[in-house]
All heavy atoms as atom14 arrays in JSON, in Angstrom:
{
  "sequence": "LDAFQLPGRPKAEHLTGFRLERGELLGQHVADKVGAVVALPHAGNW",
  "atom14_mask": [
    [1, 1, 1, 1, 1, 1, 1, 1, 0, 0, 0, 0, 0, 0],
    [1, 1, 1, 1, 1, 1, 1, 1, 0, 0, 0, 0, 0, 0],
    [1, 1, 1, 1, 1, 0, 0, 0, 0, 0, 0, 0, 0, 0],
    [1, 1, 1, 1, 1, 1, 1, 1, 1, 1, 1, 0, 0, 0],
    [1, 1, 1, 1, 1, 1, 1, 1, 1, 0, 0, 0, 0, 0],
    [1, 1, 1, 1, 1, 1, 1, 1, 0, 0, 0, 0, 0, 0],
    [1, 1, 1, 1, 1, 1, 1, 0, 0, 0, 0, 0, 0, 0],
    [1, 1, 1, 1, 0, 0, 0, 0, 0, 0, 0, 0, 0, 0],
    [1, 1, 1, 1, 1, 1, 1, 1, 1, 1, 1, 0, 0, 0],
    [1, 1, 1, 1, 1, 1, 1, 0, 0, 0, 0, 0, 0, 0],
    [1, 1, 1, 1, 1, 1, 1, 1, 1, 0, 0, 0, 0, 0],
    [1, 1, 1, 1, 1, 0, 0, 0, 0, 0, 0, 0, 0, 0],
    [1, 1, 1, 1, 1, 1, 1, 1, 1, 0, 0, 0, 0, 0],
    [1, 1, 1, 1, 1, 1, 1, 1, 1, 1, 0, 0, 0, 0],
    [1, 1, 1, 1, 1, 1, 1, 1, 0, 0, 0, 0, 0, 0],
    [1, 1, 1, 1, 1, 1, 1, 0, 0, 0, 0, 0, 0, 0],
    [1, 1, 1, 1, 0, 0, 0, 0, 0, 0, 0, 0, 0, 0],
    [1, 1, 1, 1, 1, 1, 1, 1, 1, 1, 1, 0, 0, 0],
    [1, 1, 1, 1, 1, 1, 1, 1, 1, 1, 1, 0, 0, 0],
    [1, 1, 1, 1, 1, 1, 1, 1, 0, 0, 0, 0, 0, 0],
    [1, 1, 1, 1, 1, 1, 1, 1, 1, 0, 0, 0, 0, 0],
    [1, 1, 1, 1, 1, 1, 1, 1, 1, 1, 1, 0, 0, 0],
    [1, 1, 1, 1, 0, 0, 0, 0, 0, 0, 0, 0, 0, 0],
    [1, 1, 1, 1, 1, 1, 1, 1, 1, 0, 0, 0, 0, 0],
    [1, 1, 1, 1, 1, 1, 1, 1, 0, 0, 0, 0, 0, 0],
    [1, 1, 1, 1, 1, 1, 1, 1, 0, 0, 0, 0, 0, 0],
    [1, 1, 1, 1, 0, 0, 0, 0, 0, 0, 0, 0, 0, 0],
    [1, 1, 1, 1, 1, 1, 1, 1, 1, 0, 0, 0, 0, 0],
    [1, 1, 1, 1, 1, 1, 1, 1, 1, 1, 0, 0, 0, 0],
    [1, 1, 1, 1, 1, 1, 1, 0, 0, 0, 0, 0, 0, 0],
    [1, 1, 1, 1, 1, 0, 0, 0, 0, 0, 0, 0, 0, 0],
    [1, 1, 1, 1, 1, 1, 1, 1, 0, 0, 0, 0, 0, 0],
    [1, 1, 1, 1, 1, 1, 1, 1, 1, 0, 0, 0, 0, 0],
    [1, 1, 1, 1, 1, 1, 1, 0, 0, 0, 0, 0, 0, 0],
    [1, 1, 1, 1, 0, 0, 0, 0, 0, 0, 0, 0, 0, 0],
    [1, 1, 1, 1, 1, 0, 0, 0, 0, 0, 0, 0, 0, 0],
    [1, 1, 1, 1, 1, 1, 1, 0, 0, 0, 0, 0, 0, 0],
    [1, 1, 1, 1, 1, 1, 1, 0, 0, 0, 0, 0, 0, 0],
    [1, 1, 1, 1, 1, 0, 0, 0, 0, 0, 0, 0, 0, 0],
    [1, 1, 1, 1, 1, 1, 1, 1, 0, 0, 0, 0, 0, 0],
    [1, 1, 1, 1, 1, 1, 1, 0, 0, 0, 0, 0, 0, 0],
    [1, 1, 1, 1, 1, 1, 1, 1, 1, 1, 0, 0, 0, 0],
    [1, 1, 1, 1, 1, 0, 0, 0, 0, 0, 0, 0, 0, 0],
    [1, 1, 1, 1, 0, 0, 0, 0, 0, 0, 0, 0, 0, 0],
    [1, 1, 1, 1, 1, 1, 1, 1, 0, 0, 0, 0, 0, 0],
    [1, 1, 1, 1, 1, 1, 1, 1, 1, 1, 1, 1, 1, 1]
  ],
  "atom14_positions": [
    [[0.83, -1.2, 0.0], [0.0, 0.0, 0.0], [0.87, 1.26, 0.0], [0.64, 2.19, -0.79], [-0.93, 0.01, 1.21], [-1.78, 1.29, 1.37], [-2.59, 1.57, 0.12], [-2.67, 1.2, 2.6], [0.0, 0.0, 0.0], [0.0, 0.0, 0.0], [0.0, 0.0, 0.0], [0.0, 0.0, 0.0], [0.0, 0.0, 0.0], [0.0, 0.0, 0.0]],
    [[1.85, 1.3, 0.87], [2.72, 2.48, 0.93], [3.45, 2.7, -0.39], [3.61, 3.83, -0.86], [3.74, 2.33, 2.06], [3.11, 2.51, 3.44], [1.9, 2.81, 3.5], [3.83, 2.35, 4.44], [0.0, 0.0, 0.0], [0.0, 0.0, 0.0], [0.0, 0.0, 0.0], [0.0, 0.0, 0.0], [0.0, 0.0, 0.0], [0.0, 0.0, 0.0]],
    [[3.9, 1.61, -1.01], [4.62, 1.73, -2.28], [3.7, 2.26, -3.38], [4.07, 3.18, -4.12], [5.21, 0.38, -2.69], [0.0, 0.0, 0.0], [0.0, 0.0, 0.0], [0.0, 0.0, 0.0], [0.0, 0.0, 0.0], [0.0, 0.0, 0.0], [0.0, 0.0, 0.0], [0.0, 0.0, 0.0], [0.0, 0.0, 0.0], [0.0, 0.0, 0.0]],
    [[2.5, 1.7, -3.48], [1.58, 2.15, -4.52], [1.19, 3.61, -4.34], [0.89, 4.3, -5.32], [0.31, 1.29, -4.52], [0.49, -0.08, -5.12], [-0.04, -1.2, -4.5], [1.19, -0.25, -6.31], [0.12, -2.46, -5.05], [1.35, -1.52, -6.87], [0.81, -2.63, -6.24], [0.0, 0.0, 0.0], [0.0, 0.0, 0.0], [0.0, 0.0, 0.0]],
    [[1.2, 4.1, -3.1], [0.78, 5.48, -2.86], [1.94, 6.48, -2.98], [1.7, 7.69, -3.0], [0.13, 5.6, -1.49], [-1.23, 4.92, -1.43], [-2.12, 5.46, -0.32], [-1.66, 5.65, 0.81], [-3.38, 5.69, -0.63], [0.0, 0.0, 0.0], [0.0, 0.0, 0.0], [0.0, 0.0, 0.0], [0.0, 0.0, 0.0], [0.0, 0.0, 0.0]],
    [[3.17, 6.0, -3.11], [4.31, 6.92, -3.18], [4.21, 7.93, -4.33], [4.48, 9.12, -4.13], [5.61, 6.13, -3.31], [6.2, 5.55, -2.01], [7.35, 4.61, -2.34], [6.66, 6.66, -1.1], [0.0, 0.0, 0.0], [0.0, 0.0, 0.0], [0.0, 0.0, 0.0], [0.0, 0.0, 0.0], [0.0, 0.0, 0.0], [0.0, 0.0, 0.0]],
    [[3.82, 7.52, -5.55], [3.79, 8.5, -6.64], [2.8, 9.64, -6.42], [2.93, 10.71, -7.02], [3.39, 7.66, -7.87], [3.8, 6.27, -7.51], [3.55, 6.16, -6.04], [0.0, 0.0, 0.0], [0.0, 0.0, 0.0], [0.0, 0.0, 0.0], [0.0, 0.0, 0.0], [0.0, 0.0, 0.0], [0.0, 0.0, 0.0], [0.0, 0.0, 0.0]],
    [[1.8, 9.43, -5.58], [0.82, 10.48, -5.33], [1.19, 11.42, -4.21], [0.43, 12.34, -3.89], [0.0, 0.0, 0.0], [0.0, 0.0, 0.0], [0.0, 0.0, 0.0], [0.0, 0.0, 0.0], [0.0, 0.0, 0.0], [0.0, 0.0, 0.0], [0.0, 0.0, 0.0], [0.0, 0.0, 0.0], [0.0, 0.0, 0.0], [0.0, 0.0, 0.0]],
    [[2.35, 11.21, -3.61], [2.77, 12.04, -2.48], [3.74, 13.12, -2.91], [4.58, 12.9, -3.78], [3.43, 11.17, -1.4], [2.49, 10.17, -0.75], [3.22, 9.28, 0.23], [2.32, 8.35, 0.89], [2.71, 7.36, 1.67], [4.02, 7.17, 1.89], [1.83, 6.55, 2.23], [0.0, 0.0, 0.0], [0.0, 0.0, 0.0], [0.0, 0.0, 0.0]],
    [[3.67, 14.3, -2.3], [4.64, 15.34, -2.61], [6.02, 14.97, -2.07], [6.17, 14.12, -1.19], [4.08, 16.58, -1.9], [3.22, 16.04, -0.81], [2.66, 14.75, -1.32], [0.0, 0.0, 0.0], [0.0, 0.0, 0.0], [0.0, 0.0, 0.0], [0.0, 0.0, 0.0], [0.0, 0.0, 0.0], [0.0, 0.0, 0.0], [0.0, 0.0, 0.0]],
    [[7.04, 15.65, -2.59], [8.42, 15.38, -2.22], [8.62, 15.47, -0.71], [9.36, 14.66, -0.12], [9.33, 16.36, -2.95], [10.8, 16.26, -2.59], [11.61, 17.27, -3.39], [13.06, 17.3, -2.98], [13.83, 18.3, -3.75], [0.0, 0.0, 0.0], [0.0, 0.0, 0.0], [0.0, 0.0, 0.0], [0.0, 0.0, 0.0], [0.0, 0.0, 0.0]],
    [[7.96, 16.43, -0.07], [8.14, 16.6, 1.38], [7.73, 15.35, 2.13], [8.33, 15.0, 3.15], [7.33, 17.81, 1.86], [0.0, 0.0, 0.0], [0.0, 0.0, 0.0], [0.0, 0.0, 0.0], [0.0, 0.0, 0.0], [0.0, 0.0, 0.0], [0.0, 0.0, 0.0], [0.0, 0.0, 0.0], [0.0, 0.0, 0.0], [0.0, 0.0, 0.0]],
    [[6.71, 14.64, 1.64], [6.27, 13.42, 2.32], [7.23, 12.26, 2.06], [7.31, 11.33, 2.87], [4.86, 13.07, 1.89], [3.81, 14.04, 2.43], [2.39, 13.57, 2.17], [2.19, 12.38, 1.87], [1.48, 14.41, 2.26], [0.0, 0.0, 0.0], [0.0, 0.0, 0.0], [0.0, 0.0, 0.0], [0.0, 0.0, 0.0], [0.0, 0.0, 0.0]],
    [[7.95, 12.29, 0.95], [8.99, 11.29, 0.74], [10.1, 11.44, 1.78], [10.71, 10.46, 2.21], [9.59, 11.42, -0.66], [8.64, 11.03, -1.75], [8.92, 11.25, -3.08], [7.41, 10.43, -1.72], [7.92, 10.8, -3.82], [6.98, 10.32, -3.01], [0.0, 0.0, 0.0], [0.0, 0.0, 0.0], [0.0, 0.0, 0.0], [0.0, 0.0, 0.0]],
    [[10.34, 12.68, 2.19], [11.39, 12.94, 3.19], [10.95, 12.56, 4.6], [11.78, 12.17, 5.42], [11.8, 14.41, 3.14], [12.53, 14.86, 1.87], [12.69, 16.37, 1.86], [13.89, 14.17, 1.76], [0.0, 0.0, 0.0], [0.0, 0.0, 0.0], [0.0, 0.0, 0.0], [0.0, 0.0, 0.0], [0.0, 0.0, 0.0], [0.0, 0.0, 0.0]],
    [[9.65, 12.68, 4.88], [9.16, 12.36, 6.23], [8.64, 10.93, 6.34], [8.52, 10.41, 7.45], [8.05, 13.33, 6.64], [6.97, 13.24, 5.69], [8.56, 14.76, 6.7], [0.0, 0.0, 0.0], [0.0, 0.0, 0.0], [0.0, 0.0, 0.0], [0.0, 0.0, 0.0], [0.0, 0.0, 0.0], [0.0, 0.0, 0.0], [0.0, 0.0, 0.0]],
    [[8.33, 10.3, 5.2], [7.76, 8.95, 5.24], [8.8, 7.86, 5.41], [8.44, 6.68, 5.53], [0.0, 0.0, 0.0], [0.0, 0.0, 0.0], [0.0, 0.0, 0.0], [0.0, 0.0, 0.0], [0.0, 0.0, 0.0], [0.0, 0.0, 0.0], [0.0, 0.0, 0.0], [0.0, 0.0, 0.0], [0.0, 0.0, 0.0], [0.0, 0.0, 0.0]],
    [[10.07, 8.24, 5.41], [11.14, 7.28, 5.63], [12.21, 7.94, 6.49], [12.54, 9.11, 6.27], [11.76, 6.82, 4.3], [12.86, 5.81, 4.47], [12.56, 4.49, 4.74], [14.19, 6.19, 4.36], [13.58, 3.55, 4.9], [15.21, 5.26, 4.52], [14.91, 3.94, 4.78], [0.0, 0.0, 0.0], [0.0, 0.0, 0.0], [0.0, 0.0, 0.0]],
    [[12.72, 7.21, 7.45], [13.8, 7.71, 8.31], [14.98, 6.76, 8.21], [14.81, 5.54, 8.33], [13.33, 7.79, 9.77], [12.33, 8.89, 10.05], [12.1, 9.03, 11.55], [11.39, 7.89, 12.09], [10.06, 7.86, 12.25], [9.32, 8.89, 11.87], [9.48, 6.79, 12.75], [0.0, 0.0, 0.0], [0.0, 0.0, 0.0], [0.0, 0.0, 0.0]],
    [[16.16, 7.33, 8.0], [17.37, 6.51, 7.89], [18.4, 7.01, 8.89], [18.97, 8.09, 8.73], [17.94, 6.58, 6.47], [19.17, 5.7, 6.22], [18.85, 4.22, 6.43], [19.72, 5.92, 4.82], [0.0, 0.0, 0.0], [0.0, 0.0, 0.0], [0.0, 0.0, 0.0], [0.0, 0.0, 0.0], [0.0, 0.0, 0.0], [0.0, 0.0, 0.0]],
    [[18.63, 6.21, 9.91], [19.66, 6.56, 10.89], [21.03, 6.53, 10.21], [21.34, 5.61, 9.47], [19.64, 5.55, 12.05], [18.34, 5.57, 12.84], [18.31, 4.47, 13.9], [19.38, 3.95, 14.27], [17.19, 4.12, 14.34], [0.0, 0.0, 0.0], [0.0, 0.0, 0.0], [0.0, 0.0, 0.0], [0.0, 0.0, 0.0], [0.0, 0.0, 0.0]],
    [[21.81, 7.56, 10.44], [23.14, 7.74, 9.86], [23.06, 8.01, 8.36], [24.05, 7.92, 7.64], [24.05, 6.52, 10.13], [24.19, 6.17, 11.59], [25.04, 4.95, 11.82], [26.45, 5.23, 11.63], [27.25, 4.52, 10.84], [26.77, 3.5, 10.13], [28.53, 4.82, 10.73], [0.0, 0.0, 0.0], [0.0, 0.0, 0.0], [0.0, 0.0, 0.0]],
    [[21.88, 8.41, 7.88], [21.7, 8.65, 6.46], [22.53, 9.81, 5.93], [22.8, 9.88, 4.72], [0.0, 0.0, 0.0], [0.0, 0.0, 0.0], [0.0, 0.0, 0.0], [0.0, 0.0, 0.0], [0.0, 0.0, 0.0], [0.0, 0.0, 0.0], [0.0, 0.0, 0.0], [0.0, 0.0, 0.0], [0.0, 0.0, 0.0], [0.0, 0.0, 0.0]],
    [[22.95, 10.7, 6.83], [23.76, 11.83, 6.38], [25.07, 11.37, 5.76], [25.69, 12.11, 4.96], [24.04, 12.78, 7.55], [24.94, 12.24, 8.64], [24.25, 11.34, 9.65], [23.03, 11.13, 9.51], [24.94, 10.86, 10.57], [0.0, 0.0, 0.0], [0.0, 0.0, 0.0], [0.0, 0.0, 0.0], [0.0, 0.0, 0.0], [0.0, 0.0, 0.0]],
    [[25.51, 10.15, 6.08], [26.75, 9.64, 5.48], [26.63, 9.52, 3.97], [27.6, 9.75, 3.24], [27.1, 8.28, 6.1], [27.46, 8.29, 7.59], [27.66, 6.87, 8.09], [28.72, 9.11, 7.83], [0.0, 0.0, 0.0], [0.0, 0.0, 0.0], [0.0, 0.0, 0.0], [0.0, 0.0, 0.0], [0.0, 0.0, 0.0], [0.0, 0.0, 0.0]],
    [[25.45, 9.16, 3.49], [25.26, 9.06, 2.04], [25.44, 10.42, 1.39], [26.06, 10.53, 0.32], [23.87, 8.5, 1.73], [23.59, 7.07, 2.19], [22.18, 6.66, 1.76], [24.61, 6.1, 1.63], [0.0, 0.0, 0.0], [0.0, 0.0, 0.0], [0.0, 0.0, 0.0], [0.0, 0.0, 0.0], [0.0, 0.0, 0.0], [0.0, 0.0, 0.0]],
    [[24.89, 11.46, 2.02], [25.04, 12.8, 1.48], [26.5, 13.23, 1.42], [26.93, 13.89, 0.46], [0.0, 0.0, 0.0], [0.0, 0.0, 0.0], [0.0, 0.0, 0.0], [0.0, 0.0, 0.0], [0.0, 0.0, 0.0], [0.0, 0.0, 0.0], [0.0, 0.0, 0.0], [0.0, 0.0, 0.0], [0.0, 0.0, 0.0], [0.0, 0.0, 0.0]],
    [[27.27, 12.84, 2.42], [28.7, 13.18, 2.42], [29.43, 12.49, 1.28], [30.27, 13.09, 0.6], [29.31, 12.79, 3.76], [28.8, 13.6, 4.94], [29.31, 13.07, 6.28], [30.24, 12.27, 6.33], [28.69, 13.51, 7.35], [0.0, 0.0, 0.0], [0.0, 0.0, 0.0], [0.0, 0.0, 0.0], [0.0, 0.0, 0.0], [0.0, 0.0, 0.0]],
    [[29.09, 11.2, 1.05], [29.76, 10.47, -0.03], [29.38, 11.04, -1.39], [30.23, 11.11, -2.29], [29.4, 8.99, 0.05], [29.93, 8.31, 1.27], [31.22, 8.47, 1.72], [29.33, 7.46, 2.15], [31.41, 7.74, 2.81], [30.27, 7.12, 3.09], [0.0, 0.0, 0.0], [0.0, 0.0, 0.0], [0.0, 0.0, 0.0], [0.0, 0.0, 0.0]],
    [[28.13, 11.45, -1.56], [27.72, 12.06, -2.82], [28.48, 13.37, -3.03], [28.99, 13.64, -4.12], [26.19, 12.29, -2.83], [25.79, 13.17, -4.03], [25.45, 10.96, -2.89], [0.0, 0.0, 0.0], [0.0, 0.0, 0.0], [0.0, 0.0, 0.0], [0.0, 0.0, 0.0], [0.0, 0.0, 0.0], [0.0, 0.0, 0.0], [0.0, 0.0, 0.0]],
    [[28.56, 14.18, -1.97], [29.26, 15.46, -2.08], [30.74, 15.27, -2.4], [31.34, 16.07, -3.13], [29.11, 16.25, -0.78], [0.0, 0.0, 0.0], [0.0, 0.0, 0.0], [0.0, 0.0, 0.0], [0.0, 0.0, 0.0], [0.0, 0.0, 0.0], [0.0, 0.0, 0.0], [0.0, 0.0, 0.0], [0.0, 0.0, 0.0], [0.0, 0.0, 0.0]],
    [[31.31, 14.18, -1.89], [32.73, 13.9, -2.14], [32.96, 13.17, -3.46], [34.1, 12.85, -3.79], [33.29, 13.05, -0.99], [33.34, 13.8, 0.33], [33.33, 15.05, 0.3], [33.38, 13.14, 1.38], [0.0, 0.0, 0.0], [0.0, 0.0, 0.0], [0.0, 0.0, 0.0], [0.0, 0.0, 0.0], [0.0, 0.0, 0.0], [0.0, 0.0, 0.0]],
    [[31.88, 12.89, -4.18], [31.96, 12.21, -5.49], [32.56, 10.82, -5.41], [33.23, 10.36, -6.35], [32.76, 13.07, -6.49], [32.17, 14.43, -6.78], [30.82, 14.33, -7.48], [30.29, 15.7, -7.85], [28.93, 15.64, -8.45], [0.0, 0.0, 0.0], [0.0, 0.0, 0.0], [0.0, 0.0, 0.0], [0.0, 0.0, 0.0], [0.0, 0.0, 0.0]],
    [[32.33, 10.14, -4.28], [32.81, 8.76, -4.18], [31.67, 7.76, -4.23], [31.89, 6.57, -4.44], [33.62, 8.53, -2.88], [34.87, 9.4, -2.87], [32.77, 8.78, -1.65], [0.0, 0.0, 0.0], [0.0, 0.0, 0.0], [0.0, 0.0, 0.0], [0.0, 0.0, 0.0], [0.0, 0.0, 0.0], [0.0, 0.0, 0.0], [0.0, 0.0, 0.0]],
    [[30.43, 8.23, -4.05], [29.28, 7.35, -4.1], [29.27, 6.37, -2.94], [30.11, 6.42, -2.03], [0.0, 0.0, 0.0], [0.0, 0.0, 0.0], [0.0, 0.0, 0.0], [0.0, 0.0, 0.0], [0.0, 0.0, 0.0], [0.0, 0.0, 0.0], [0.0, 0.0, 0.0], [0.0, 0.0, 0.0], [0.0, 0.0, 0.0], [0.0, 0.0, 0.0]],
    [[28.32, 5.46, -2.97], [28.21, 4.44, -1.93], [27.4, 3.27, -2.46], [26.42, 3.45, -3.17], [27.53, 5.01, -0.68], [0.0, 0.0, 0.0], [0.0, 0.0, 0.0], [0.0, 0.0, 0.0], [0.0, 0.0, 0.0], [0.0, 0.0, 0.0], [0.0, 0.0, 0.0], [0.0, 0.0, 0.0], [0.0, 0.0, 0.0], [0.0, 0.0, 0.0]],
    [[27.84, 2.07, -2.12], [27.09, 0.85, -2.39], [26.28, 0.52, -1.14], [26.84, 0.51, -0.03], [28.01, -0.33, -2.74], [27.2, -1.57, -3.06], [28.93, 0.02, -3.9], [0.0, 0.0, 0.0], [0.0, 0.0, 0.0], [0.0, 0.0, 0.0], [0.0, 0.0, 0.0], [0.0, 0.0, 0.0], [0.0, 0.0, 0.0], [0.0, 0.0, 0.0]],
    [[24.99, 0.25, -1.31], [24.13, -0.02, -0.16], [23.41, -1.34, -0.4], [22.62, -1.48, -1.34], [23.09, 1.1, 0.04], [22.26, 0.83, 1.29], [23.78, 2.46, 0.14], [0.0, 0.0, 0.0], [0.0, 0.0, 0.0], [0.0, 0.0, 0.0], [0.0, 0.0, 0.0], [0.0, 0.0, 0.0], [0.0, 0.0, 0.0], [0.0, 0.0, 0.0]],
    [[23.71, -2.34, 0.43], [23.08, -3.65, 0.33], [21.81, -3.67, 1.18], [21.86, -3.34, 2.38], [24.04, -4.73, 0.8], [0.0, 0.0, 0.0], [0.0, 0.0, 0.0], [0.0, 0.0, 0.0], [0.0, 0.0, 0.0], [0.0, 0.0, 0.0], [0.0, 0.0, 0.0], [0.0, 0.0, 0.0], [0.0, 0.0, 0.0], [0.0, 0.0, 0.0]],
    [[20.7, -4.04, 0.56], [19.4, -3.98, 1.23], [18.79, -5.37, 1.38], [18.97, -6.24, 0.52], [18.4, -3.15, 0.4], [18.77, -1.75, -0.04], [17.74, -1.25, -1.03], [18.85, -0.83, 1.15], [0.0, 0.0, 0.0], [0.0, 0.0, 0.0], [0.0, 0.0, 0.0], [0.0, 0.0, 0.0], [0.0, 0.0, 0.0], [0.0, 0.0, 0.0]],
    [[17.99, -5.58, 2.43], [17.15, -6.77, 2.5], [15.77, -6.47, 1.91], [15.38, -5.31, 1.75], [17.04, -7.01, 4.01], [17.03, -5.62, 4.59], [17.92, -4.79, 3.69], [0.0, 0.0, 0.0], [0.0, 0.0, 0.0], [0.0, 0.0, 0.0], [0.0, 0.0, 0.0], [0.0, 0.0, 0.0], [0.0, 0.0, 0.0], [0.0, 0.0, 0.0]],
    [[15.02, -7.51, 1.6], [13.62, -7.34, 1.23], [12.83, -7.12, 2.53], [12.13, -8.01, 3.02], [13.09, -8.58, 0.51], [13.58, -8.72, -0.89], [14.83, -9.24, -1.19], [12.99, -8.43, -2.08], [14.98, -9.27, -2.52], [13.89, -8.78, -3.08], [0.0, 0.0, 0.0], [0.0, 0.0, 0.0], [0.0, 0.0, 0.0], [0.0, 0.0, 0.0]],
    [[12.97, -5.95, 3.09], [12.37, -5.67, 4.39], [11.89, -4.23, 4.44], [12.39, -3.38, 3.7], [13.37, -5.92, 5.52], [0.0, 0.0, 0.0], [0.0, 0.0, 0.0], [0.0, 0.0, 0.0], [0.0, 0.0, 0.0], [0.0, 0.0, 0.0], [0.0, 0.0, 0.0], [0.0, 0.0, 0.0], [0.0, 0.0, 0.0], [0.0, 0.0, 0.0]],
    [[10.92, -3.95, 5.32], [10.41, -2.59, 5.43], [9.9, -2.12, 4.09], [9.15, -2.81, 3.4], [0.0, 0.0, 0.0], [0.0, 0.0, 0.0], [0.0, 0.0, 0.0], [0.0, 0.0, 0.0], [0.0, 0.0, 0.0], [0.0, 0.0, 0.0], [0.0, 0.0, 0.0], [0.0, 0.0, 0.0], [0.0, 0.0, 0.0], [0.0, 0.0, 0.0]],
    [[10.34, -0.95, 3.66], [9.9, -0.4, 2.37], [11.11, 0.14, 1.62], [11.52, 1.28, 1.82], [8.85, 0.7, 2.57], [8.17, 1.08, 1.27], [8.77, 1.02, 0.21], [6.91, 1.48, 1.36], [0.0, 0.0, 0.0], [0.0, 0.0, 0.0], [0.0, 0.0, 0.0], [0.0, 0.0, 0.0], [0.0, 0.0, 0.0], [0.0, 0.0, 0.0]],
    [[11.69, -0.68, 0.75], [12.87, -0.27, -0.01], [12.53, 0.76, -1.08], [13.36, 1.57, -1.44], [13.58, -1.48, -0.62], [12.71, -2.41, -1.42], [12.51, -2.4, -2.78], [11.95, -3.5, -0.91], [11.66, -3.42, -3.14], [11.31, -4.11, -2.02], [11.75, -4.04, 0.37], [10.47, -5.22, -1.89], [10.91, -5.14, 0.5], [10.28, -5.72, -0.61]]
  ]
}
């Protein structure tokens, strides 16, 4: 249900509808142009 409703939500709700602890590390890697590989489980809402 959450996945099907994602396209109908504004960008602000994409930011509040998911929380990632230590997520700021991804932003740092993007800013440094090194990127990041993230291995995910089929869990929660990928």
